[in-house]
Amino acid sequence: MKARNLESRIIKLEGRARHAGEMLLIWSRPNERAEAVLEKHRHLFDPFDRVGIAPWPAVDEPPAPAWYGNFPIGISERERTALGKLLQEAAGQATDQLEYKRLSEWSDADLWYELLRADRRAGHEIRH
């Protein structure tokens, strides 16, 4: 009986596992702390899921958090514009040619995750 319960549990966990490239994108408001953003949306993700937090540059309401299967495919044009500005800032901060080359070898999904990942922003205000 225990083996059957274990097998059932494994099947459930595998069904919940996210695929490579899947990421939850959460937009933040100006000067909102990353921990507050994560806590507000904790019900949307599991501990090992890819979660990205991006500053929403407009004064209107930011888009609702959403899962994307092959990030950034599927985001709206407004979101794409906001993320493009963020990516340009990050590329401008690449300190040397080696770092820039290393970043250019990553997949789109991995590059976006590295740029937006919530655990890097925890403990910091999300600047706009």
Protein backbone atom coordinates (compact mmCIF):
# COMPACT_ATOMS: atom_id res chain seq x y z
CA MET A 1 0.00 0.00 0.00
CA LYS A 2 2.85 2.42 0.77
CA ALA A 3 4.41 1.89 -2.65
CA ARG A 4 1.10 2.75 -4.28
CA ASN A 5 0.75 5.95 -2.22
CA LEU A 6 4.30 6.93 -3.09
CA GLU A 7 3.67 6.30 -6.79
CA SER A 8 0.51 8.41 -6.64
CA ARG A 9 2.40 11.25 -4.93
CA ILE A 10 5.18 11.17 -7.54
CA ILE A 11 2.64 11.35 -10.36
CA LYS A 12 0.98 14.38 -8.74
CA LEU A 13 4.34 16.14 -8.25
CA GLU A 14 5.42 15.47 -11.83
CA GLY A 15 2.12 16.88 -13.05
CA ARG A 16 2.72 20.10 -11.10
CA ALA A 17 6.31 20.54 -12.28
CA ARG A 18 6.89 23.46 -14.63
CA HIS A 19 8.69 23.00 -17.91
CA ALA A 20 11.95 24.72 -18.83
CA GLY A 21 11.21 28.19 -20.09
CA GLU A 22 7.98 28.58 -18.09
CA MET A 23 7.98 31.65 -15.91
CA LEU A 24 5.51 33.61 -13.83
CA LEU A 25 5.83 37.33 -14.58
CA ILE A 26 4.71 39.69 -11.83
CA TRP A 27 4.70 43.43 -12.45
CA SER A 28 5.49 45.67 -9.49
CA ARG A 29 4.49 49.20 -8.63
CA PRO A 30 7.02 52.00 -8.08
CA ASN A 31 9.16 51.52 -4.95
CA GLU A 32 7.38 48.29 -3.99
CA ARG A 33 9.61 45.83 -2.13
CA ALA A 34 10.19 42.46 -3.79
CA GLU A 35 9.17 40.56 -0.65
CA ALA A 36 5.80 42.35 -0.59
CA VAL A 37 5.22 41.55 -4.26
CA LEU A 38 6.05 37.88 -3.72
CA GLU A 39 3.94 37.58 -0.58
CA LYS A 40 0.92 39.10 -2.30
CA HIS A 41 1.15 36.50 -5.11
CA ARG A 42 2.55 33.51 -3.17
CA HIS A 43 -0.55 31.44 -4.03
CA LEU A 44 0.41 31.47 -7.73
CA PHE A 45 3.71 29.59 -7.53
CA ASP A 46 5.63 26.81 -5.81
CA PRO A 47 9.07 27.25 -4.18
CA PHE A 48 11.13 26.06 -7.16
CA ASP A 49 9.13 27.74 -9.93
CA ARG A 50 10.68 30.46 -12.07
CA VAL A 51 9.24 33.76 -10.89
CA GLY A 52 10.21 37.10 -12.37
CA ILE A 53 9.42 40.55 -11.01
CA ALA A 54 9.55 43.53 -13.33
CA PRO A 55 8.95 47.20 -12.58
CA TRP A 56 5.87 48.57 -14.35
CA PRO A 57 6.95 51.95 -15.77
CA ALA A 58 3.49 53.38 -16.45
CA VAL A 59 1.21 55.19 -13.99
CA ASP A 60 -1.75 52.97 -14.84
CA GLU A 61 -2.51 49.62 -13.22
CA PRO A 62 0.15 46.99 -14.01
CA PRO A 63 -0.94 43.83 -15.85
CA ALA A 64 -2.04 40.89 -13.73
CA PRO A 65 0.58 38.21 -12.98
CA ALA A 66 0.63 35.56 -15.69
CA TRP A 67 2.38 32.30 -16.52
CA TYR A 68 4.14 32.15 -19.86
CA GLY A 69 5.11 28.81 -21.39
CA ASN A 70 8.07 30.00 -23.45
CA PHE A 71 8.86 33.39 -22.04
CA PRO A 72 8.70 36.05 -23.50
CA ILE A 73 6.40 34.65 -26.19
CA GLY A 74 2.82 35.63 -25.48
CA ILE A 75 3.36 38.89 -23.62
CA SER A 76 1.45 41.99 -24.74
CA GLU A 77 3.03 44.78 -26.77
CA ARG A 78 2.98 47.11 -23.72
CA GLU A 79 4.74 44.47 -21.63
CA ARG A 80 7.26 43.85 -24.42
CA THR A 81 8.08 47.57 -24.57
CA ALA A 82 8.56 47.79 -20.79
CA LEU A 83 10.78 44.69 -20.75
CA GLY A 84 12.76 45.98 -23.73
CA LYS A 85 13.72 49.09 -21.79
CA LEU A 86 14.75 46.94 -18.83
CA LEU A 87 16.87 44.73 -21.09
CA GLN A 88 18.59 47.74 -22.66
CA GLU A 89 19.52 49.01 -19.19
CA ALA A 90 20.95 45.60 -18.26
CA ALA A 91 22.94 45.36 -21.51
CA GLY A 92 24.35 48.81 -20.82
CA GLN A 93 25.52 47.60 -17.43
CA ALA A 94 27.49 44.64 -18.86
CA THR A 95 30.95 45.60 -17.68
CA ASP A 96 33.10 43.86 -20.25
CA GLN A 97 33.03 41.97 -23.54
CA LEU A 98 33.37 38.58 -21.80
CA GLU A 99 30.29 39.17 -19.64
CA TYR A 100 28.31 40.38 -22.67
CA LYS A 101 29.40 37.29 -24.67
CA ARG A 102 28.40 34.98 -21.82
CA LEU A 103 24.94 36.55 -21.65
CA SER A 104 24.50 36.34 -25.43
CA GLU A 105 24.95 32.54 -25.28
CA TRP A 106 21.92 31.98 -23.06
CA SER A 107 18.47 31.08 -24.33
CA ASP A 108 15.86 33.85 -24.30
CA ALA A 109 14.00 32.21 -21.43
CA ASP A 110 17.18 31.84 -19.33
CA LEU A 111 18.29 35.41 -20.04
CA TRP A 112 14.92 36.84 -19.01
CA TYR A 113 14.83 34.67 -15.90
CA GLU A 114 18.29 35.82 -14.87
CA LEU A 115 17.31 39.44 -15.40
CA LEU A 116 13.96 39.25 -13.58
CA ARG A 117 14.32 36.44 -11.07
CA ALA A 118 12.64 37.18 -7.78
CA ASP A 119 15.37 35.80 -5.51
CA ARG A 120 17.85 38.37 -6.87
CA ARG A 121 15.43 41.20 -6.16
CA ALA A 122 14.48 40.05 -2.66
CA GLY A 123 15.64 42.52 -0.04
CA HIS A 124 15.63 45.39 -2.51
CA GLU A 125 13.25 48.04 -3.64
CA ILE A 126 12.29 47.56 -7.25
CA ARG A 127 13.44 50.75 -8.89
CA HIS A 128 11.73 52.35 -11.86
